[in-house]
PDB file of N, CA and C in Angstrom:
ATOM      1  N   MET A   1      30.791  -7.706 -22.320  1.00  0.00           N
ATOM      2  CA  MET A   1      30.137  -6.865 -21.359  1.00  0.00           C
ATOM      3  C   MET A   1      29.060  -7.650 -20.640  1.00  0.00           C
ATOM      4  N   SER A   2      28.926  -7.369 -19.380  1.00  0.00           N
ATOM      5  CA  SER A   2      27.875  -8.011 -18.599  1.00  0.00           C
ATOM      6  C   SER A   2      26.997  -6.935 -17.966  1.00  0.00           C
ATOM      7  N   VAL A   3      25.807  -7.343 -17.642  1.00  0.00           N
ATOM      8  CA  VAL A   3      24.847  -6.422 -17.040  1.00  0.00           C
ATOM      9  C   VAL A   3      24.737  -6.764 -15.555  1.00  0.00           C
ATOM     10  N   GLN A   4      24.828  -5.749 -14.733  1.00  0.00           N
ATOM     11  CA  GLN A   4      24.691  -5.949 -13.291  1.00  0.00           C
ATOM     12  C   GLN A   4      23.221  -6.147 -12.941  1.00  0.00           C
ATOM     13  N   GLU A   5      22.921  -7.174 -12.213  1.00  0.00           N
ATOM     14  CA  GLU A   5      21.562  -7.404 -11.768  1.00  0.00           C
ATOM     15  C   GLU A   5      21.407  -6.890 -10.349  1.00  0.00           C
ATOM     16  N   SER A   6      20.284  -6.297 -10.089  1.00  0.00           N
ATOM     17  CA  SER A   6      20.003  -5.757  -8.772  1.00  0.00           C
ATOM     18  C   SER A   6      19.132  -6.733  -7.997  1.00  0.00           C
ATOM     19  N   ASP A   7      19.388  -6.831  -6.696  1.00  0.00           N
ATOM     20  CA  ASP A   7      18.594  -7.716  -5.847  1.00  0.00           C
ATOM     21  C   ASP A   7      17.350  -7.038  -5.309  1.00  0.00           C
ATOM     22  N   SER A   8      17.205  -5.737  -5.515  1.00  0.00           N
ATOM     23  CA  SER A   8      16.054  -5.033  -4.977  1.00  0.00           C
ATOM     24  C   SER A   8      14.833  -5.222  -5.874  1.00  0.00           C
ATOM     25  N   ARG A   9      13.697  -5.004  -5.293  1.00  0.00           N
ATOM     26  CA  ARG A   9      12.445  -5.115  -6.028  1.00  0.00           C
ATOM     27  C   ARG A   9      12.282  -3.921  -6.946  1.00  0.00           C
ATOM     28  N   PRO A  10      11.557  -4.089  -8.050  1.00  0.00           N
ATOM     29  CA  PRO A  10      11.357  -2.937  -8.930  1.00  0.00           C
ATOM     30  C   PRO A  10      10.502  -1.875  -8.252  1.00  0.00           C
ATOM     31  N   GLY A  11      10.918  -0.655  -8.375  1.00  0.00           N
ATOM     32  CA  GLY A  11      10.177   0.451  -7.790  1.00  0.00           C
ATOM     33  C   GLY A  11      10.491   0.692  -6.326  1.00  0.00           C
ATOM     34  N   GLU A  12      11.364  -0.119  -5.735  1.00  0.00           N
ATOM     35  CA  GLU A  12      11.714   0.063  -4.338  1.00  0.00           C
ATOM     36  C   GLU A  12      12.935   0.959  -4.244  1.00  0.00           C
ATOM     37  N   GLY A  13      12.844   1.960  -3.456  1.00  0.00           N
ATOM     38  CA  GLY A  13      13.963   2.877  -3.303  1.00  0.00           C
ATOM     39  C   GLY A  13      14.023   3.391  -1.885  1.00  0.00           C
ATOM     40  N   VAL A  14      14.748   4.455  -1.710  1.00  0.00           N
ATOM     41  CA  VAL A  14      14.917   5.046  -0.387  1.00  0.00           C
ATOM     42  C   VAL A  14      13.592   5.595   0.126  1.00  0.00           C
ATOM     43  N   GLY A  15      12.812   6.203  -0.749  1.00  0.00           N
ATOM     44  CA  GLY A  15      11.523   6.758  -0.336  1.00  0.00           C
ATOM     45  C   GLY A  15      10.576   5.703   0.187  1.00  0.00           C
ATOM     46  N   SER A  16      10.585   4.552  -0.449  1.00  0.00           N
ATOM     47  CA  SER A  16       9.733   3.459   0.012  1.00  0.00           C
ATOM     48  C   SER A  16      10.176   2.947   1.373  1.00  0.00           C
ATOM     49  N   THR A  17      11.468   2.887   1.600  1.00  0.00           N
ATOM     50  CA  THR A  17      11.984   2.450   2.891  1.00  0.00           C
ATOM     51  C   THR A  17      11.633   3.451   3.985  1.00  0.00           C
ATOM     52  N   VAL A  18      11.781   4.726   3.687  1.00  0.00           N
ATOM     53  CA  VAL A  18      11.432   5.768   4.653  1.00  0.00           C
ATOM     54  C   VAL A  18       9.938   5.721   4.956  1.00  0.00           C
ATOM     55  N   ALA A  19       9.111   5.504   3.939  1.00  0.00           N
ATOM     56  CA  ALA A  19       7.663   5.413   4.152  1.00  0.00           C
ATOM     57  C   ALA A  19       7.322   4.243   5.062  1.00  0.00           C
ATOM     58  N   GLY A  20       8.017   3.140   4.918  1.00  0.00           N
ATOM     59  CA  GLY A  20       7.787   1.998   5.796  1.00  0.00           C
ATOM     60  C   GLY A  20       8.141   2.285   7.237  1.00  0.00           C
ATOM     61  N   PHE A  21       9.278   2.943   7.454  1.00  0.00           N
ATOM     62  CA  PHE A  21       9.672   3.294   8.816  1.00  0.00           C
ATOM     63  C   PHE A  21       8.717   4.319   9.423  1.00  0.00           C
ATOM     64  N   LEU A  22       8.288   5.293   8.635  1.00  0.00           N
ATOM     65  CA  LEU A  22       7.327   6.275   9.135  1.00  0.00           C
ATOM     66  C   LEU A  22       6.002   5.623   9.495  1.00  0.00           C
ATOM     67  N   ALA A  23       5.545   4.690   8.665  1.00  0.00           N
ATOM     68  CA  ALA A  23       4.290   4.003   8.956  1.00  0.00           C
ATOM     69  C   ALA A  23       4.407   3.166  10.225  1.00  0.00           C
ATOM     70  N   ALA A  24       5.526   2.484  10.394  1.00  0.00           N
ATOM     71  CA  ALA A  24       5.729   1.686  11.602  1.00  0.00           C
ATOM     72  C   ALA A  24       5.799   2.574  12.850  1.00  0.00           C
ATOM     73  N   PHE A  25       6.478   3.706  12.732  1.00  0.00           N
ATOM     74  CA  PHE A  25       6.530   4.650  13.849  1.00  0.00           C
ATOM     75  C   PHE A  25       5.150   5.188  14.173  1.00  0.00           C
ATOM     76  N   SER A  26       4.364   5.455  13.141  1.00  0.00           N
ATOM     77  CA  SER A  26       3.018   5.970  13.345  1.00  0.00           C
ATOM     78  C   SER A  26       2.134   4.953  14.063  1.00  0.00           C
ATOM     79  N   ILE A  27       2.274   3.688  13.723  1.00  0.00           N
ATOM     80  CA  ILE A  27       1.495   2.648  14.395  1.00  0.00           C
ATOM     81  C   ILE A  27       1.870   2.575  15.870  1.00  0.00           C
ATOM     82  N   PHE A  28       3.158   2.640  16.164  1.00  0.00           N
ATOM     83  CA  PHE A  28       3.620   2.623  17.554  1.00  0.00           C
ATOM     84  C   PHE A  28       3.120   3.857  18.315  1.00  0.00           C
ATOM     85  N   ALA A  29       3.222   5.031  17.692  1.00  0.00           N
ATOM     86  CA  ALA A  29       2.787   6.267  18.346  1.00  0.00           C
ATOM     87  C   ALA A  29       1.277   6.263  18.572  1.00  0.00           C
ATOM     88  N   ALA A  30       0.520   5.717  17.626  1.00  0.00           N
ATOM     89  CA  ALA A  30      -0.932   5.656  17.782  1.00  0.00           C
ATOM     90  C   ALA A  30      -1.310   4.757  18.954  1.00  0.00           C
ATOM     91  N   ALA A  31      -0.610   3.643  19.106  1.00  0.00           N
ATOM     92  CA  ALA A  31      -0.880   2.761  20.241  1.00  0.00           C
ATOM     93  C   ALA A  31      -0.510   3.440  21.557  1.00  0.00           C
ATOM     94  N   ALA A  32       0.576   4.198  21.556  1.00  0.00           N
ATOM     95  CA  ALA A  32       0.962   4.938  22.760  1.00  0.00           C
ATOM     96  C   ALA A  32      -0.027   6.056  23.058  1.00  0.00           C
ATOM     97  N   GLY A  33      -0.677   6.585  22.027  1.00  0.00           N
ATOM     98  CA  GLY A  33      -1.662   7.639  22.205  1.00  0.00           C
ATOM     99  C   GLY A  33      -2.912   7.185  22.925  1.00  0.00           C
ATOM    100  N   LEU A  34      -3.119   5.885  23.010  1.00  0.00           N
ATOM    101  CA  LEU A  34      -4.252   5.389  23.789  1.00  0.00           C
ATOM    102  C   LEU A  34      -4.071   5.682  25.270  1.00  0.00           C
ATOM    103  N   VAL A  35      -2.823   5.771  25.706  1.00  0.00           N
ATOM    104  CA  VAL A  35      -2.523   5.939  27.122  1.00  0.00           C
ATOM    105  C   VAL A  35      -2.068   7.362  27.450  1.00  0.00           C
ATOM    106  N   TYR A  36      -1.229   7.940  26.602  1.00  0.00           N
ATOM    107  CA  TYR A  36      -0.612   9.228  26.889  1.00  0.00           C
ATOM    108  C   TYR A  36      -1.143  10.316  25.962  1.00  0.00           C
ATOM    109  N   TYR A  37      -1.879  11.253  26.475  1.00  0.00           N
ATOM    110  CA  TYR A  37      -2.310  12.455  25.772  1.00  0.00           C
ATOM    111  C   TYR A  37      -2.725  12.198  24.315  1.00  0.00           C
ATOM    112  N   PRO A  38      -3.901  11.661  24.087  1.00  0.00           N
ATOM    113  CA  PRO A  38      -4.308  11.334  22.714  1.00  0.00           C
ATOM    114  C   PRO A  38      -4.460  12.555  21.813  1.00  0.00           C
ATOM    115  N   GLY A  39      -4.680  13.715  22.382  1.00  0.00           N
ATOM    116  CA  GLY A  39      -4.799  14.918  21.566  1.00  0.00           C
ATOM    117  C   GLY A  39      -3.495  15.304  20.899  1.00  0.00           C
ATOM    118  N   ARG A  40      -2.389  15.097  21.578  1.00  0.00           N
ATOM    119  CA  ARG A  40      -1.075  15.416  21.016  1.00  0.00           C
ATOM    120  C   ARG A  40      -0.469  14.240  20.268  1.00  0.00           C
ATOM    121  N   VAL A  41      -0.371  13.117  20.942  1.00  0.00           N
ATOM    122  CA  VAL A  41       0.313  11.961  20.372  1.00  0.00           C
ATOM    123  C   VAL A  41      -0.489  11.358  19.224  1.00  0.00           C
ATOM    124  N   GLY A  42      -1.799  11.248  19.407  1.00  0.00           N
ATOM    125  CA  GLY A  42      -2.645  10.672  18.366  1.00  0.00           C
ATOM    126  C   GLY A  42      -2.686  11.524  17.114  1.00  0.00           C
ATOM    127  N   ALA A  43      -2.794  12.824  17.295  1.00  0.00           N
ATOM    128  CA  ALA A  43      -2.811  13.715  16.134  1.00  0.00           C
ATOM    129  C   ALA A  43      -1.465  13.681  15.403  1.00  0.00           C
ATOM    130  N   GLY A  44      -0.387  13.618  16.150  1.00  0.00           N
ATOM    131  CA  GLY A  44       0.934  13.506  15.527  1.00  0.00           C
ATOM    132  C   GLY A  44       1.099  12.198  14.766  1.00  0.00           C
ATOM    133  N   ALA A  45       0.551  11.128  15.318  1.00  0.00           N
ATOM    134  CA  ALA A  45       0.625   9.835  14.633  1.00  0.00           C
ATOM    135  C   ALA A  45      -0.151   9.861  13.322  1.00  0.00           C
ATOM    136  N   ILE A  46      -1.280  10.542  13.318  1.00  0.00           N
ATOM    137  CA  ILE A  46      -2.063  10.652  12.089  1.00  0.00           C
ATOM    138  C   ILE A  46      -1.292  11.445  11.031  1.00  0.00           C
ATOM    139  N   VAL A  47      -0.654  12.524  11.444  1.00  0.00           N
ATOM    140  CA  VAL A  47       0.116  13.343  10.488  1.00  0.00           C
ATOM    141  C   VAL A  47       1.283  12.534   9.908  1.00  0.00           C
ATOM    142  N   VAL A  48       1.984  11.795  10.752  1.00  0.00           N
ATOM    143  CA  VAL A  48       3.107  10.986  10.272  1.00  0.00           C
ATOM    144  C   VAL A  48       2.607   9.893   9.327  1.00  0.00           C
ATOM    145  N   ALA A  49       1.467   9.290   9.639  1.00  0.00           N
ATOM    146  CA  ALA A  49       0.906   8.262   8.767  1.00  0.00           C
ATOM    147  C   ALA A  49       0.490   8.847   7.419  1.00  0.00           C
ATOM    148  N   LEU A  50      -0.045  10.053   7.423  1.00  0.00           N
ATOM    149  CA  LEU A  50      -0.414  10.702   6.160  1.00  0.00           C
ATOM    150  C   LEU A  50       0.818  11.037   5.323  1.00  0.00           C
ATOM    151  N   VAL A  51       1.896  11.425   5.971  1.00  0.00           N
ATOM    152  CA  VAL A  51       3.145  11.675   5.242  1.00  0.00           C
ATOM    153  C   VAL A  51       3.655  10.383   4.617  1.00  0.00           C
ATOM    154  N   ALA A  52       3.584   9.286   5.380  1.00  0.00           N
ATOM    155  CA  ALA A  52       4.020   7.987   4.846  1.00  0.00           C
ATOM    156  C   ALA A  52       3.143   7.567   3.675  1.00  0.00           C
ATOM    157  N   ALA A  53       1.855   7.823   3.760  1.00  0.00           N
ATOM    158  CA  ALA A  53       0.958   7.488   2.652  1.00  0.00           C
ATOM    159  C   ALA A  53       1.234   8.374   1.446  1.00  0.00           C
ATOM    160  N   GLY A  54       1.625   9.607   1.692  1.00  0.00           N
ATOM    161  CA  GLY A  54       1.959  10.507   0.590  1.00  0.00           C
ATOM    162  C   GLY A  54       3.225  10.096  -0.134  1.00  0.00           C
ATOM    163  N   ILE A  55       4.183   9.570   0.607  1.00  0.00           N
ATOM    164  CA  ILE A  55       5.411   9.084  -0.020  1.00  0.00           C
ATOM    165  C   ILE A  55       5.105   7.857  -0.867  1.00  0.00           C
ATOM    166  N   GLY A  56       4.251   6.984  -0.329  1.00  0.00           N
ATOM    167  CA  GLY A  56       3.798   5.810  -1.085  1.00  0.00           C
ATOM    168  C   GLY A  56       4.904   4.828  -1.353  1.00  0.00           C
ATOM    169  N   GLY A  57       5.044   4.428  -2.605  1.00  0.00           N
ATOM    170  CA  GLY A  57       6.051   3.453  -2.959  1.00  0.00           C
ATOM    171  C   GLY A  57       5.591   2.047  -2.650  1.00  0.00           C
ATOM    172  N   PHE A  58       6.538   1.212  -2.377  1.00  0.00           N
ATOM    173  CA  PHE A  58       6.257  -0.199  -2.132  1.00  0.00           C
ATOM    174  C   PHE A  58       5.475  -0.410  -0.838  1.00  0.00           C
ATOM    175  N   GLN A  59       5.590   0.492   0.115  1.00  0.00           N
ATOM    176  CA  GLN A  59       4.963   0.346   1.428  1.00  0.00           C
ATOM    177  C   GLN A  59       3.599   1.021   1.524  1.00  0.00           C
ATOM    178  N   ARG A  60       2.918   1.235   0.428  1.00  0.00           N
ATOM    179  CA  ARG A  60       1.659   1.979   0.494  1.00  0.00           C
ATOM    180  C   ARG A  60       0.568   1.211   1.228  1.00  0.00           C
ATOM    181  N   GLY A  61       0.607  -0.109   1.249  1.00  0.00           N
ATOM    182  CA  GLY A  61      -0.368  -0.890   2.010  1.00  0.00           C
ATOM    183  C   GLY A  61      -0.192  -0.707   3.509  1.00  0.00           C
ATOM    184  N   LEU A  62       1.063  -0.732   3.952  1.00  0.00           N
ATOM    185  CA  LEU A  62       1.360  -0.499   5.362  1.00  0.00           C
ATOM    186  C   LEU A  62       1.004   0.927   5.759  1.00  0.00           C
ATOM    187  N   ALA A  63       1.263   1.876   4.865  1.00  0.00           N
ATOM    188  CA  ALA A  63       0.940   3.271   5.159  1.00  0.00           C
ATOM    189  C   ALA A  63      -0.572   3.476   5.248  1.00  0.00           C
ATOM    190  N   ALA A  64      -1.329   2.815   4.393  1.00  0.00           N
ATOM    191  CA  ALA A  64      -2.786   2.920   4.454  1.00  0.00           C
ATOM    192  C   ALA A  64      -3.313   2.311   5.754  1.00  0.00           C
ATOM    193  N   PHE A  65      -2.739   1.186   6.160  1.00  0.00           N
ATOM    194  CA  PHE A  65      -3.112   0.589   7.439  1.00  0.00           C
ATOM    195  C   PHE A  65      -2.778   1.534   8.588  1.00  0.00           C
ATOM    196  N   ALA A  66      -1.626   2.191   8.511  1.00  0.00           N
ATOM    197  CA  ALA A  66      -1.202   3.107   9.576  1.00  0.00           C
ATOM    198  C   ALA A  66      -2.160   4.283   9.696  1.00  0.00           C
ATOM    199  N   VAL A  67      -2.649   4.795   8.570  1.00  0.00           N
ATOM    200  CA  VAL A  67      -3.597   5.909   8.620  1.00  0.00           C
ATOM    201  C   VAL A  67      -4.881   5.475   9.317  1.00  0.00           C
ATOM    202  N   GLY A  68      -5.415   4.336   8.927  1.00  0.00           N
ATOM    203  CA  GLY A  68      -6.646   3.842   9.546  1.00  0.00           C
ATOM    204  C   GLY A  68      -6.468   3.507  11.019  1.00  0.00           C
ATOM    205  N   PHE A  69      -5.363   2.840  11.340  1.00  0.00           N
ATOM    206  CA  PHE A  69      -5.088   2.459  12.724  1.00  0.00           C
ATOM    207  C   PHE A  69      -4.895   3.689  13.601  1.00  0.00           C
ATOM    208  N   ALA A  70      -4.186   4.688  13.093  1.00  0.00           N
ATOM    209  CA  ALA A  70      -3.960   5.908  13.869  1.00  0.00           C
ATOM    210  C   ALA A  70      -5.266   6.655  14.105  1.00  0.00           C
ATOM    211  N   GLY A  71      -6.136   6.678  13.113  1.00  0.00           N
ATOM    212  CA  GLY A  71      -7.429   7.339  13.285  1.00  0.00           C
ATOM    213  C   GLY A  71      -8.296   6.634  14.316  1.00  0.00           C
ATOM    214  N   ILE A  72      -8.328   5.320  14.262  1.00  0.00           N
ATOM    215  CA  ILE A  72      -9.119   4.558  15.233  1.00  0.00           C
ATOM    216  C   ILE A  72      -8.542   4.704  16.633  1.00  0.00           C
ATOM    217  N   CYS A  73      -7.222   4.658  16.759  1.00  0.00           N
ATOM    218  CA  CYS A  73      -6.596   4.814  18.068  1.00  0.00           C
ATOM    219  C   CYS A  73      -6.795   6.223  18.618  1.00  0.00           C
ATOM    220  N   TRP A  74      -6.774   7.220  17.752  1.00  0.00           N
ATOM    221  CA  TRP A  74      -7.027   8.588  18.211  1.00  0.00           C
ATOM    222  C   TRP A  74      -8.433   8.698  18.783  1.00  0.00           C
ATOM    223  N   PHE A  75      -9.409   8.171  18.073  1.00  0.00           N
ATOM    224  CA  PHE A  75     -10.794   8.231  18.539  1.00  0.00           C
ATOM    225  C   PHE A  75     -10.953   7.454  19.850  1.00  0.00           C
ATOM    226  N   ALA A  76     -10.400   6.245  19.901  1.00  0.00           N
ATOM    227  CA  ALA A  76     -10.500   5.437  21.118  1.00  0.00           C
ATOM    228  C   ALA A  76      -9.783   6.108  22.289  1.00  0.00           C
ATOM    229  N   GLY A  77      -8.637   6.719  22.026  1.00  0.00           N
ATOM    230  CA  GLY A  77      -7.912   7.423  23.079  1.00  0.00           C
ATOM    231  C   GLY A  77      -8.676   8.611  23.613  1.00  0.00           C
ATOM    232  N   MET A  78      -9.358   9.324  22.728  1.00  0.00           N
ATOM    233  CA  MET A  78     -10.178  10.456  23.172  1.00  0.00           C
ATOM    234  C   MET A  78     -11.347   9.974  24.025  1.00  0.00           C
ATOM    235  N   VAL A  79     -11.984   8.894  23.605  1.00  0.00           N
ATOM    236  CA  VAL A  79     -13.097   8.346  24.387  1.00  0.00           C
ATOM    237  C   VAL A  79     -12.606   7.892  25.759  1.00  0.00           C
ATOM    238  N   ILE A  80     -11.471   7.211  25.798  1.00  0.00           N
ATOM    239  CA  ILE A  80     -10.913   6.743  27.068  1.00  0.00           C
ATOM    240  C   ILE A  80     -10.549   7.924  27.962  1.00  0.00           C
ATOM    241  N   ALA A  81      -9.917   8.951  27.393  1.00  0.00           N
ATOM    242  CA  ALA A  81      -9.495  10.109  28.187  1.00  0.00           C
ATOM    243  C   ALA A  81     -10.696  10.860  28.748  1.00  0.00           C
ATOM    244  N   ILE A  82     -11.731  11.007  27.953  1.00  0.00           N
ATOM    245  CA  ILE A  82     -12.905  11.738  28.420  1.00  0.00           C
ATOM    246  C   ILE A  82     -13.664  10.927  29.464  1.00  0.00           C
ATOM    247  N   SER A  83     -13.804   9.623  29.224  1.00  0.00           N
ATOM    248  CA  SER A  83     -14.570   8.815  30.175  1.00  0.00           C
ATOM    249  C   SER A  83     -13.845   8.637  31.503  1.00  0.00           C
ATOM    250  N   LEU A  84     -12.521   8.634  31.497  1.00  0.00           N
ATOM    251  CA  LEU A  84     -11.754   8.514  32.741  1.00  0.00           C
ATOM    252  C   LEU A  84     -11.334   9.866  33.315  1.00  0.00           C
ATOM    253  N   GLU A  85     -11.787  10.938  32.685  1.00  0.00           N
ATOM    254  CA  GLU A  85     -11.475  12.316  33.107  1.00  0.00           C
ATOM    255  C   GLU A  85      -9.976  12.556  33.210  1.00  0.00           C
ATOM    256  N   ARG A  86      -9.241  12.103  32.182  1.00  0.00           N
ATOM    257  CA  ARG A  86      -7.808  12.322  32.096  1.00  0.00           C
ATOM    258  C   ARG A  86      -7.546  13.471  31.134  1.00  0.00           C
ATOM    259  N   PRO A  87      -6.374  14.092  31.196  1.00  0.00           N
ATOM    260  CA  PRO A  87      -6.083  15.199  30.272  1.00  0.00           C
ATOM    261  C   PRO A  87      -5.980  14.718  28.820  1.00  0.00           C
ATOM    262  N   VAL A  88      -6.568  15.507  27.927  1.00  0.00           N
ATOM    263  CA  VAL A  88      -6.559  15.172  26.511  1.00  0.00           C
ATOM    264  C   VAL A  88      -5.306  15.721  25.846  1.00  0.00           C
ATOM    265  N   PHE A  89      -4.883  16.922  26.239  1.00  0.00           N
ATOM    266  CA  PHE A  89      -3.710  17.552  25.641  1.00  0.00           C
ATOM    267  C   PHE A  89      -2.574  17.636  26.607  1.00  0.00           C
TER     268      PHE A  89
END
């Protein structure tokens, strides 16, 4: 009898992969929120980043970065929208 060896990292599964994609999407959406409606896009990016952080797994560092980046981009987008008198929502 032989034992099958797996090439994946320990603790890495589908949830970790999904968390990574959600965190990457959140980073992209947060950057887009600087230009387009930060009240809607930025808040959505924060929610998606929090979901990715909740899933955790192997990508928890990226998810933590996404939460911080989305929060900073939301704040910066609001400041930009208010100072340029653009719509927030």
